[in-house]
Amino acid sequence: MAKNAVEATDAVTSEAKEAEATNERTASRKLSYDPLLKKLIDAKLSKTELAAKVGISRTTLAKIGKNEPVSIDVLLRICDELDCDIVDVISYLPVHDPAGN
């Protein structure tokens, strides 16, 4: 039984290390939904109206408002509704560390 407990602890530790590495990678990049917001202004459509049309939850809408990642499925539904390409709704902004890397 002790061997299984050690294996379980090792598995949890490994998962925690993987999650930490993922967080470090995502901290070095930033998403922006500014292109989407500009497109909505041009279309005279509010974020709430878009959300209703494509079936986005308030949580997902909040993520977009905070420039947090959302699923590709959500982005594609938005693109279908606005008849545009994914680059018309999201942009990627690399964040460099102060050392210039």
N, C-alpha and C. Protein backbone atom coordinates (compact mmCIF):
# COMPACT_ATOMS: atom_id res chain seq x y z
N MET A 1 0.82 -1.19 0.00
CA MET A 1 0.00 0.00 0.00
C MET A 1 0.86 1.26 0.00
N ALA A 2 1.95 1.26 0.72
CA ALA A 2 2.83 2.42 0.78
C ALA A 2 3.41 2.73 -0.59
N LYS A 3 3.70 1.69 -1.38
CA LYS A 3 4.25 1.90 -2.71
C LYS A 3 3.25 2.65 -3.59
N ASN A 4 1.95 2.29 -3.50
CA ASN A 4 0.93 2.98 -4.28
C ASN A 4 0.80 4.44 -3.86
N ALA A 5 0.94 4.72 -2.58
CA ALA A 5 0.86 6.09 -2.09
C ALA A 5 2.02 6.92 -2.63
N VAL A 6 3.20 6.34 -2.69
CA VAL A 6 4.37 7.03 -3.22
C VAL A 6 4.17 7.30 -4.71
N GLU A 7 3.65 6.30 -5.44
CA GLU A 7 3.39 6.48 -6.86
C GLU A 7 2.36 7.58 -7.10
N ALA A 8 1.32 7.61 -6.27
CA ALA A 8 0.29 8.64 -6.40
C ALA A 8 0.87 10.02 -6.12
N THR A 9 1.71 10.12 -5.10
CA THR A 9 2.35 11.39 -4.76
C THR A 9 3.26 11.84 -5.90
N ASP A 10 4.00 10.90 -6.47
CA ASP A 10 4.88 11.23 -7.60
C ASP A 10 4.07 11.74 -8.80
N ALA A 11 2.91 11.12 -9.04
CA ALA A 11 2.06 11.52 -10.16
C ALA A 11 1.53 12.94 -9.94
N VAL A 12 1.10 13.25 -8.72
CA VAL A 12 0.59 14.58 -8.41
C VAL A 12 1.69 15.61 -8.55
N THR A 13 2.89 15.28 -8.07
CA THR A 13 4.02 16.19 -8.17
C THR A 13 4.37 16.44 -9.63
N SER A 14 4.34 15.40 -10.44
CA SER A 14 4.62 15.54 -11.87
C SER A 14 3.59 16.43 -12.54
N GLU A 15 2.32 16.26 -12.22
CA GLU A 15 1.27 17.10 -12.80
C GLU A 15 1.43 18.55 -12.37
N ALA A 16 1.81 18.77 -11.12
CA ALA A 16 2.02 20.14 -10.64
C ALA A 16 3.17 20.81 -11.37
N LYS A 17 4.24 20.05 -11.63
CA LYS A 17 5.39 20.60 -12.36
C LYS A 17 4.99 20.94 -13.80
N GLU A 18 4.18 20.08 -14.43
CA GLU A 18 3.72 20.35 -15.79
C GLU A 18 2.85 21.60 -15.82
N ALA A 19 1.98 21.76 -14.84
CA ALA A 19 1.10 22.94 -14.78
C ALA A 19 1.93 24.20 -14.59
N GLU A 20 2.95 24.13 -13.75
CA GLU A 20 3.82 25.28 -13.52
C GLU A 20 4.57 25.67 -14.79
N ALA A 21 5.05 24.66 -15.53
CA ALA A 21 5.75 24.93 -16.79
C ALA A 21 4.81 25.58 -17.80
N THR A 22 3.58 25.12 -17.86
CA THR A 22 2.59 25.71 -18.76
C THR A 22 2.32 27.16 -18.39
N ASN A 23 2.17 27.43 -17.09
CA ASN A 23 1.95 28.80 -16.64
C ASN A 23 3.12 29.71 -17.00
N GLU A 24 4.33 29.21 -16.89
CA GLU A 24 5.50 30.00 -17.25
C GLU A 24 5.51 30.31 -18.75
N ARG A 25 5.12 29.33 -19.57
CA ARG A 25 5.08 29.55 -21.02
C ARG A 25 4.02 30.57 -21.38
N THR A 26 2.83 30.46 -20.78
CA THR A 26 1.76 31.39 -21.13
C THR A 26 2.02 32.78 -20.57
N ALA A 27 2.80 32.89 -19.51
CA ALA A 27 3.13 34.20 -18.97
C ALA A 27 4.03 34.98 -19.92
N SER A 28 4.70 34.28 -20.83
CA SER A 28 5.61 34.95 -21.75
C SER A 28 4.93 35.36 -23.06
N ARG A 29 3.60 35.28 -23.10
CA ARG A 29 2.88 35.73 -24.29
C ARG A 29 1.54 36.33 -23.88
N LYS A 30 1.01 37.15 -24.73
CA LYS A 30 -0.22 37.84 -24.42
C LYS A 30 -1.13 37.82 -25.64
N LEU A 31 -2.40 37.56 -25.38
CA LEU A 31 -3.40 37.59 -26.44
C LEU A 31 -4.12 38.92 -26.39
N SER A 32 -4.60 39.36 -27.53
CA SER A 32 -5.39 40.57 -27.58
C SER A 32 -6.60 40.32 -28.49
N TYR A 33 -7.75 40.70 -27.97
CA TYR A 33 -8.98 40.61 -28.76
C TYR A 33 -9.36 41.99 -29.31
N ASP A 34 -8.40 42.92 -29.35
CA ASP A 34 -8.67 44.24 -29.91
C ASP A 34 -9.21 44.17 -31.34
N PRO A 35 -8.66 43.26 -32.18
CA PRO A 35 -9.23 43.18 -33.54
C PRO A 35 -10.72 42.83 -33.52
N LEU A 36 -11.13 41.97 -32.60
CA LEU A 36 -12.54 41.60 -32.48
C LEU A 36 -13.35 42.82 -32.04
N LEU A 37 -12.86 43.54 -31.06
CA LEU A 37 -13.60 44.70 -30.57
C LEU A 37 -13.76 45.75 -31.66
N LYS A 38 -12.73 45.95 -32.47
CA LYS A 38 -12.81 46.89 -33.59
C LYS A 38 -13.85 46.42 -34.61
N LYS A 39 -13.84 45.10 -34.85
CA LYS A 39 -14.79 44.52 -35.81
C LYS A 39 -16.23 44.69 -35.31
N LEU A 40 -16.43 44.54 -34.01
CA LEU A 40 -17.77 44.72 -33.44
C LEU A 40 -18.23 46.17 -33.58
N ILE A 41 -17.33 47.11 -33.37
CA ILE A 41 -17.67 48.52 -33.54
C ILE A 41 -18.10 48.78 -34.98
N ASP A 42 -17.31 48.25 -35.93
CA ASP A 42 -17.63 48.44 -37.35
C ASP A 42 -18.99 47.82 -37.69
N ALA A 43 -19.30 46.68 -37.06
CA ALA A 43 -20.56 45.99 -37.33
C ALA A 43 -21.72 46.54 -36.49
N LYS A 44 -21.41 47.53 -35.62
CA LYS A 44 -22.41 48.11 -34.72
C LYS A 44 -23.10 47.01 -33.91
N LEU A 45 -22.26 46.13 -33.35
CA LEU A 45 -22.73 44.98 -32.59
C LEU A 45 -22.05 45.00 -31.23
N SER A 46 -22.80 44.82 -30.15
CA SER A 46 -22.20 44.79 -28.82
C SER A 46 -21.65 43.39 -28.53
N LYS A 47 -20.78 43.31 -27.53
CA LYS A 47 -20.24 42.00 -27.13
C LYS A 47 -21.38 41.10 -26.66
N THR A 48 -22.34 41.68 -25.97
CA THR A 48 -23.48 40.91 -25.46
C THR A 48 -24.32 40.35 -26.61
N GLU A 49 -24.53 41.17 -27.63
CA GLU A 49 -25.29 40.72 -28.80
C GLU A 49 -24.55 39.60 -29.52
N LEU A 50 -23.24 39.77 -29.68
CA LEU A 50 -22.44 38.71 -30.31
C LEU A 50 -22.53 37.42 -29.50
N ALA A 51 -22.40 37.54 -28.18
CA ALA A 51 -22.45 36.37 -27.31
C ALA A 51 -23.77 35.61 -27.49
N ALA A 52 -24.86 36.33 -27.58
CA ALA A 52 -26.17 35.70 -27.76
C ALA A 52 -26.25 34.99 -29.11
N LYS A 53 -25.70 35.62 -30.15
CA LYS A 53 -25.77 35.03 -31.48
C LYS A 53 -24.94 33.76 -31.63
N VAL A 54 -23.79 33.71 -30.96
CA VAL A 54 -22.89 32.55 -31.14
C VAL A 54 -22.92 31.58 -29.96
N GLY A 55 -23.70 31.89 -28.93
CA GLY A 55 -23.83 30.99 -27.80
C GLY A 55 -22.61 30.98 -26.88
N ILE A 56 -22.10 32.17 -26.57
CA ILE A 56 -20.96 32.29 -25.67
C ILE A 56 -21.49 32.59 -24.27
N SER A 57 -20.93 31.93 -23.28
CA SER A 57 -21.33 32.17 -21.89
C SER A 57 -20.79 33.51 -21.40
N ARG A 58 -21.34 33.99 -20.29
CA ARG A 58 -20.83 35.23 -19.70
C ARG A 58 -19.39 35.06 -19.24
N THR A 59 -19.04 33.87 -18.81
CA THR A 59 -17.66 33.58 -18.38
C THR A 59 -16.71 33.73 -19.56
N THR A 60 -17.07 33.18 -20.70
CA THR A 60 -16.23 33.28 -21.90
C THR A 60 -16.14 34.72 -22.36
N LEU A 61 -17.25 35.43 -22.28
CA LEU A 61 -17.26 36.84 -22.66
C LEU A 61 -16.33 37.63 -21.74
N ALA A 62 -16.32 37.30 -20.46
CA ALA A 62 -15.42 37.97 -19.51
C ALA A 62 -13.97 37.66 -19.85
N LYS A 63 -13.68 36.42 -20.25
CA LYS A 63 -12.32 36.07 -20.63
C LYS A 63 -11.86 36.90 -21.82
N ILE A 64 -12.73 37.06 -22.78
CA ILE A 64 -12.40 37.88 -23.95
C ILE A 64 -12.13 39.32 -23.50
N GLY A 65 -12.94 39.82 -22.59
CA GLY A 65 -12.76 41.17 -22.08
C GLY A 65 -11.44 41.37 -21.34
N LYS A 66 -10.92 40.25 -20.76
CA LYS A 66 -9.65 40.32 -20.02
C LYS A 66 -8.47 39.81 -20.84
N ASN A 67 -8.69 39.59 -22.13
CA ASN A 67 -7.64 39.06 -23.02
C ASN A 67 -7.08 37.73 -22.53
N GLU A 68 -7.96 36.88 -22.02
CA GLU A 68 -7.57 35.54 -21.59
C GLU A 68 -7.91 34.54 -22.69
N PRO A 69 -7.21 33.41 -22.71
CA PRO A 69 -7.46 32.43 -23.76
C PRO A 69 -8.89 31.86 -23.71
N VAL A 70 -9.47 31.68 -24.88
CA VAL A 70 -10.74 30.97 -25.03
C VAL A 70 -10.52 29.87 -26.07
N SER A 71 -11.45 28.96 -26.15
CA SER A 71 -11.26 27.82 -27.05
C SER A 71 -11.29 28.23 -28.52
N ILE A 72 -10.63 27.44 -29.31
CA ILE A 72 -10.64 27.65 -30.77
C ILE A 72 -12.07 27.55 -31.29
N ASP A 73 -12.86 26.67 -30.72
CA ASP A 73 -14.25 26.52 -31.14
C ASP A 73 -15.01 27.85 -31.00
N VAL A 74 -14.80 28.52 -29.88
CA VAL A 74 -15.46 29.82 -29.67
C VAL A 74 -14.99 30.82 -30.72
N LEU A 75 -13.69 30.87 -30.95
CA LEU A 75 -13.15 31.81 -31.95
C LEU A 75 -13.71 31.52 -33.33
N LEU A 76 -13.82 30.24 -33.68
CA LEU A 76 -14.36 29.88 -34.99
C LEU A 76 -15.84 30.23 -35.13
N ARG A 77 -16.61 30.07 -34.05
CA ARG A 77 -18.02 30.46 -34.09
C ARG A 77 -18.15 31.97 -34.28
N ILE A 78 -17.27 32.72 -33.62
CA ILE A 78 -17.27 34.17 -33.79
C ILE A 78 -16.94 34.51 -35.24
N CYS A 79 -15.93 33.85 -35.77
CA CYS A 79 -15.54 34.09 -37.17
C CYS A 79 -16.67 33.77 -38.13
N ASP A 80 -17.37 32.67 -37.88
CA ASP A 80 -18.50 32.32 -38.74
C ASP A 80 -19.57 33.40 -38.69
N GLU A 81 -19.87 33.89 -37.49
CA GLU A 81 -20.90 34.92 -37.34
C GLU A 81 -20.51 36.23 -38.01
N LEU A 82 -19.23 36.60 -37.89
CA LEU A 82 -18.77 37.87 -38.44
C LEU A 82 -18.22 37.74 -39.86
N ASP A 83 -18.26 36.52 -40.38
CA ASP A 83 -17.77 36.24 -41.73
C ASP A 83 -16.35 36.78 -41.93
N CYS A 84 -15.45 36.28 -41.06
CA CYS A 84 -14.06 36.75 -41.12
C CYS A 84 -13.11 35.60 -40.78
N ASP A 85 -11.84 35.89 -40.83
CA ASP A 85 -10.80 34.92 -40.50
C ASP A 85 -10.38 35.12 -39.05
N ILE A 86 -9.75 34.11 -38.48
CA ILE A 86 -9.36 34.16 -37.07
C ILE A 86 -8.40 35.31 -36.76
N VAL A 87 -7.56 35.68 -37.71
CA VAL A 87 -6.64 36.81 -37.49
C VAL A 87 -7.39 38.14 -37.41
N ASP A 88 -8.66 38.14 -37.81
CA ASP A 88 -9.47 39.35 -37.72
C ASP A 88 -10.10 39.53 -36.34
N VAL A 89 -9.93 38.52 -35.45
CA VAL A 89 -10.55 38.62 -34.12
C VAL A 89 -9.54 38.50 -32.97
N ILE A 90 -8.35 38.03 -33.23
CA ILE A 90 -7.38 37.85 -32.15
C ILE A 90 -5.98 38.14 -32.67
N SER A 91 -5.16 38.68 -31.81
CA SER A 91 -3.75 38.88 -32.17
C SER A 91 -2.88 38.37 -31.03
N TYR A 92 -1.68 38.01 -31.38
CA TYR A 92 -0.70 37.46 -30.44
C TYR A 92 0.39 38.49 -30.22
N LEU A 93 0.64 38.81 -28.98
CA LEU A 93 1.66 39.79 -28.65
C LEU A 93 2.72 39.13 -27.78
N PRO A 94 3.87 38.79 -28.33
CA PRO A 94 4.90 38.19 -27.49
C PRO A 94 5.37 39.19 -26.43
N VAL A 95 5.61 38.67 -25.25
CA VAL A 95 6.10 39.50 -24.16
C VAL A 95 7.54 39.09 -23.90
N HIS A 96 8.42 40.06 -23.94
CA HIS A 96 9.84 39.79 -23.74
C HIS A 96 10.23 40.13 -22.31
N ASP A 97 11.17 39.37 -21.78
CA ASP A 97 11.63 39.66 -20.43
C ASP A 97 12.55 40.90 -20.44
N PRO A 98 12.76 41.51 -19.29
CA PRO A 98 13.57 42.73 -19.23
C PRO A 98 14.99 42.55 -19.75
N ALA A 99 15.49 41.32 -19.79
CA ALA A 99 16.85 41.07 -20.28
C ALA A 99 16.89 41.13 -21.79
N GLY A 100 15.73 41.26 -22.44
CA GLY A 100 15.68 41.38 -23.90
C GLY A 100 15.62 40.06 -24.62
N ASN A 101 15.28 39.00 -23.93
CA ASN A 101 15.16 37.66 -24.55
C ASN A 101 13.82 37.49 -25.22
